[in-house]
C-alpha cells in the first residue's frame, strides 16, 4: 500500500464518518417534522368543528337580534300611538274639565263668599 492509498482510505473513512454524523440530526429533524405534521392535522381536525359551531351560533344570534329589532320597533310604534292618544284625550277631555273646574270654583266662591260676609 502506498501513501496515496492510505490517504485515500483515511479520506473515505472520514467522509463516511461525516455522513453518519450528519445523518443523525437529519433523521431527528425528519421525526420532528412528522410530529409537527401530525400536530397540525389534529389541530385542524379539532378546530374546524369549533369554527363551524361558532358560525352557527353567530347565525342564530343574528336571527335573535332581528327578532329583538322587530320587537323594539313595535314598542316604539306603540309608544308613539300612546303619546298621540294621550294628546288627543288631553285635548278632547281637558278643555271641558278645565271649564267645569273653573265653574265649580266660581260656584264655591259665590256660595262660600255669602257665608263669610255675615
C-alpha atoms as a PDB file:
ATOM      1  CA  UNK A   1       0.000   0.000   0.000  1.00  0.00           C
ATOM      2  CA  UNK A   2       1.221   3.337  -0.941  1.00  0.00           C
ATOM      3  CA  UNK A   3       0.903   6.577   0.922  1.00  0.00           C
ATOM      4  CA  UNK A   4      -1.697   7.754  -1.598  1.00  0.00           C
ATOM      5  CA  UNK A   5      -3.825   4.674  -0.963  1.00  0.00           C
ATOM      6  CA  UNK A   6      -3.660   5.183   2.784  1.00  0.00           C
ATOM      7  CA  UNK A   7      -4.560   8.855   2.405  1.00  0.00           C
ATOM      8  CA  UNK A   8      -7.496   7.925   0.151  1.00  0.00           C
ATOM      9  CA  UNK A   9      -8.645   5.293   2.656  1.00  0.00           C
ATOM     10  CA  UNK A  10      -8.446   7.820   5.508  1.00  0.00           C
ATOM     11  CA  UNK A  11     -10.361  10.366   3.424  1.00  0.00           C
ATOM     12  CA  UNK A  12     -13.063   7.772   2.619  1.00  0.00           C
ATOM     13  CA  UNK A  13     -13.403   6.788   6.279  1.00  0.00           C
ATOM     14  CA  UNK A  14     -13.574  10.467   7.280  1.00  0.00           C
ATOM     15  CA  UNK A  15     -16.251  11.059   4.630  1.00  0.00           C
ATOM     16  CA  UNK A  16     -18.307   8.087   5.889  1.00  0.00           C
ATOM     17  CA  UNK A  17     -17.958   9.340   9.472  1.00  0.00           C
ATOM     18  CA  UNK A  18     -19.089  12.802   8.368  1.00  0.00           C
ATOM     19  CA  UNK A  19     -22.106  11.367   6.529  1.00  0.00           C
ATOM     20  CA  UNK A  20     -23.092   9.319   9.605  1.00  0.00           C
ATOM     21  CA  UNK A  21     -22.523  12.335  11.851  1.00  0.00           C
ATOM     22  CA  UNK A  22     -24.800  14.490   9.638  1.00  0.00           C
ATOM     23  CA  UNK A  23     -27.374  11.729   9.070  1.00  0.00           C
ATOM     24  CA  UNK A  24     -28.337  11.508  12.765  1.00  0.00           C
ATOM     25  CA  UNK A  25     -29.560  15.147  13.047  1.00  0.00           C
ATOM     26  CA  UNK A  26     -31.318  14.829   9.690  1.00  0.00           C
ATOM     27  CA  UNK A  27     -33.200  11.744  10.903  1.00  0.00           C
ATOM     28  CA  UNK A  28     -34.150  13.539  14.111  1.00  0.00           C
ATOM     29  CA  UNK A  29     -35.300  16.552  12.074  1.00  0.00           C
ATOM     30  CA  UNK A  30     -37.426  14.228   9.948  1.00  0.00           C
ATOM     31  CA  UNK A  31     -39.099  12.847  13.106  1.00  0.00           C
ATOM     32  CA  UNK A  32     -39.733  16.392  14.359  1.00  0.00           C
ATOM     33  CA  UNK A  33     -41.342  17.320  11.038  1.00  0.00           C
ATOM     34  CA  UNK A  34     -43.518  14.183  11.167  1.00  0.00           C
ATOM     35  CA  UNK A  35     -44.668  15.126  14.681  1.00  0.00           C
ATOM     36  CA  UNK A  36     -45.357  18.680  13.552  1.00  0.00           C
ATOM     37  CA  UNK A  37     -47.429  17.387  10.630  1.00  0.00           C
ATOM     38  CA  UNK A  38     -49.434  15.158  12.999  1.00  0.00           C
ATOM     39  CA  UNK A  39     -49.965  18.028  15.414  1.00  0.00           C
ATOM     40  CA  UNK A  40     -51.188  20.317  12.644  1.00  0.00           C
ATOM     41  CA  UNK A  41     -53.549  17.588  11.418  1.00  0.00           C
ATOM     42  CA  UNK A  42     -55.015  17.116  14.914  1.00  0.00           C
ATOM     43  CA  UNK A  43     -55.298  20.846  15.395  1.00  0.00           C
ATOM     44  CA  UNK A  44     -57.156  21.157  12.114  1.00  0.00           C
ATOM     45  CA  UNK A  45     -59.482  18.269  12.995  1.00  0.00           C
ATOM     46  CA  UNK A  46     -60.403  19.881  16.310  1.00  0.00           C
ATOM     47  CA  UNK A  47     -60.511  23.487  15.129  1.00  0.00           C
ATOM     48  CA  UNK A  48     -62.765  23.140  12.093  1.00  0.00           C
ATOM     49  CA  UNK A  49     -65.773  21.801  14.061  1.00  0.00           C
ATOM     50  CA  UNK A  50     -65.324  24.602  16.603  1.00  0.00           C
ATOM     51  CA  UNK A  51     -65.293  27.170  13.800  1.00  0.00           C
ATOM     52  CA  UNK A  52     -68.419  25.602  12.284  1.00  0.00           C
ATOM     53  CA  UNK A  53     -70.199  25.736  15.661  1.00  0.00           C
ATOM     54  CA  UNK A  54     -69.151  29.358  16.151  1.00  0.00           C
ATOM     55  CA  UNK A  55     -70.502  30.281  12.721  1.00  0.00           C
ATOM     56  CA  UNK A  56     -73.792  28.508  13.510  1.00  0.00           C
ATOM     57  CA  UNK A  57     -74.022  30.341  16.845  1.00  0.00           C
ATOM     58  CA  UNK A  58     -73.399  33.666  15.130  1.00  0.00           C
ATOM     59  CA  UNK A  59     -76.139  32.924  12.584  1.00  0.00           C
ATOM     60  CA  UNK A  60     -78.571  32.050  15.400  1.00  0.00           C
ATOM     61  CA  UNK A  61     -77.604  35.200  17.299  1.00  0.00           C
ATOM     62  CA  UNK A  62     -78.209  37.336  14.219  1.00  0.00           C
ATOM     63  CA  UNK A  63     -81.665  35.776  13.872  1.00  0.00           C
ATOM     64  CA  UNK A  64     -82.453  36.601  17.501  1.00  0.00           C
ATOM     65  CA  UNK A  65     -81.188  40.156  17.052  1.00  0.00           C
ATOM     66  CA  UNK A  66     -83.515  40.592  14.084  1.00  0.00           C
ATOM     67  CA  UNK A  67     -86.416  39.472  16.299  1.00  0.00           C
ATOM     68  CA  UNK A  68     -85.355  41.902  19.030  1.00  0.00           C
ATOM     69  CA  UNK A  69     -85.147  44.675  16.435  1.00  0.00           C
ATOM     70  CA  UNK A  70     -88.706  43.885  15.334  1.00  0.00           C
ATOM     71  CA  UNK A  71     -89.916  43.953  18.945  1.00  0.00           C
ATOM     72  CA  UNK A  72     -88.109  47.234  19.607  1.00  0.00           C
ATOM     73  CA  UNK A  73     -89.629  48.791  16.502  1.00  0.00           C
ATOM     74  CA  UNK A  74     -93.090  47.638  17.577  1.00  0.00           C
ATOM     75  CA  UNK A  75     -92.565  49.024  21.085  1.00  0.00           C
ATOM     76  CA  UNK A  76     -91.512  52.372  19.641  1.00  0.00           C
ATOM     77  CA  UNK A  77     -94.636  52.424  17.475  1.00  0.00           C
ATOM     78  CA  UNK A  78     -96.832  51.613  20.493  1.00  0.00           C
ATOM     79  CA  UNK A  79     -95.158  54.419  22.426  1.00  0.00           C
ATOM     80  CA  UNK A  80     -95.884  56.866  19.614  1.00  0.00           C
ATOM     81  CA  UNK A  81     -99.500  55.677  19.451  1.00  0.00           C
ATOM     82  CA  UNK A  82     -99.964  56.057  23.223  1.00  0.00           C
ATOM     83  CA  UNK A  83     -98.431  59.527  23.083  1.00  0.00           C
ATOM     84  CA  UNK A  84    -100.781  60.536  20.283  1.00  0.00           C
ATOM     85  CA  UNK A  85    -103.758  59.065  22.162  1.00  0.00           C
ATOM     86  CA  UNK A  86    -102.767  60.918  25.321  1.00  0.00           C
ATOM     87  CA  UNK A  87    -102.543  64.167  23.389  1.00  0.00           C
ATOM     88  CA  UNK A  88    -105.958  63.525  21.810  1.00  0.00           C
ATOM     89  CA  UNK A  89    -107.633  62.679  25.146  1.00  0.00           C
ATOM     90  CA  UNK A  90    -105.983  65.649  26.782  1.00  0.00           C
ATOM     91  CA  UNK A  91    -107.235  67.971  24.058  1.00  0.00           C
ATOM     92  CA  UNK A  92    -110.724  66.446  23.974  1.00  0.00           C
ATOM     93  CA  UNK A  93    -111.410  65.991  27.674  1.00  0.00           C
ATOM     94  CA  UNK A  94    -109.017  68.548  29.139  1.00  0.00           C
ATOM     95  CA  UNK A  95    -110.776  71.659  27.845  1.00  0.00           C
ATOM     96  CA  UNK A  96    -114.226  70.784  29.239  1.00  0.00           C
ATOM     97  CA  UNK A  97    -112.712  69.623  32.545  1.00  0.00           C
ATOM     98  CA  UNK A  98    -110.905  72.924  32.954  1.00  0.00           C
ATOM     99  CA  UNK A  99    -114.138  74.813  32.244  1.00  0.00           C
ATOM    100  CA  UNK A 100    -116.054  72.613  34.709  1.00  0.00           C
ATOM    101  CA  UNK A 101    -113.356  73.131  37.314  1.00  0.00           C
ATOM    102  CA  UNK A 102    -113.468  76.884  36.815  1.00  0.00           C
ATOM    103  CA  UNK A 103    -117.271  76.863  37.050  1.00  0.00           C
ATOM    104  CA  UNK A 104    -117.151  74.758  40.201  1.00  0.00           C
ATOM    105  CA  UNK A 105    -114.622  77.113  41.744  1.00  0.00           C
ATOM    106  CA  UNK A 106    -116.774  80.089  40.881  1.00  0.00           C
ATOM    107  CA  UNK A 107    -119.861  78.477  42.439  1.00  0.00           C
ATOM    108  CA  UNK A 108    -117.948  77.631  45.609  1.00  0.00           C
ATOM    109  CA  UNK A 109    -116.566  81.132  45.765  1.00  0.00           C
ATOM    110  CA  UNK A 110    -120.000  82.657  45.446  1.00  0.00           C
ATOM    111  CA  UNK A 111    -121.602  80.334  47.969  1.00  0.00           C
ATOM    112  CA  UNK A 112    -118.670  80.494  50.342  1.00  0.00           C
ATOM    113  CA  UNK A 113    -118.390  84.253  49.999  1.00  0.00           C
ATOM    114  CA  UNK A 114    -122.008  84.817  51.206  1.00  0.00           C
ATOM    115  CA  UNK A 115    -121.391  82.822  54.345  1.00  0.00           C
ATOM    116  CA  UNK A 116    -118.287  84.808  55.259  1.00  0.00           C
ATOM    117  CA  UNK A 117    -119.867  88.247  54.994  1.00  0.00           C
ATOM    118  CA  UNK A 118    -122.313  87.886  57.908  1.00  0.00           C
END
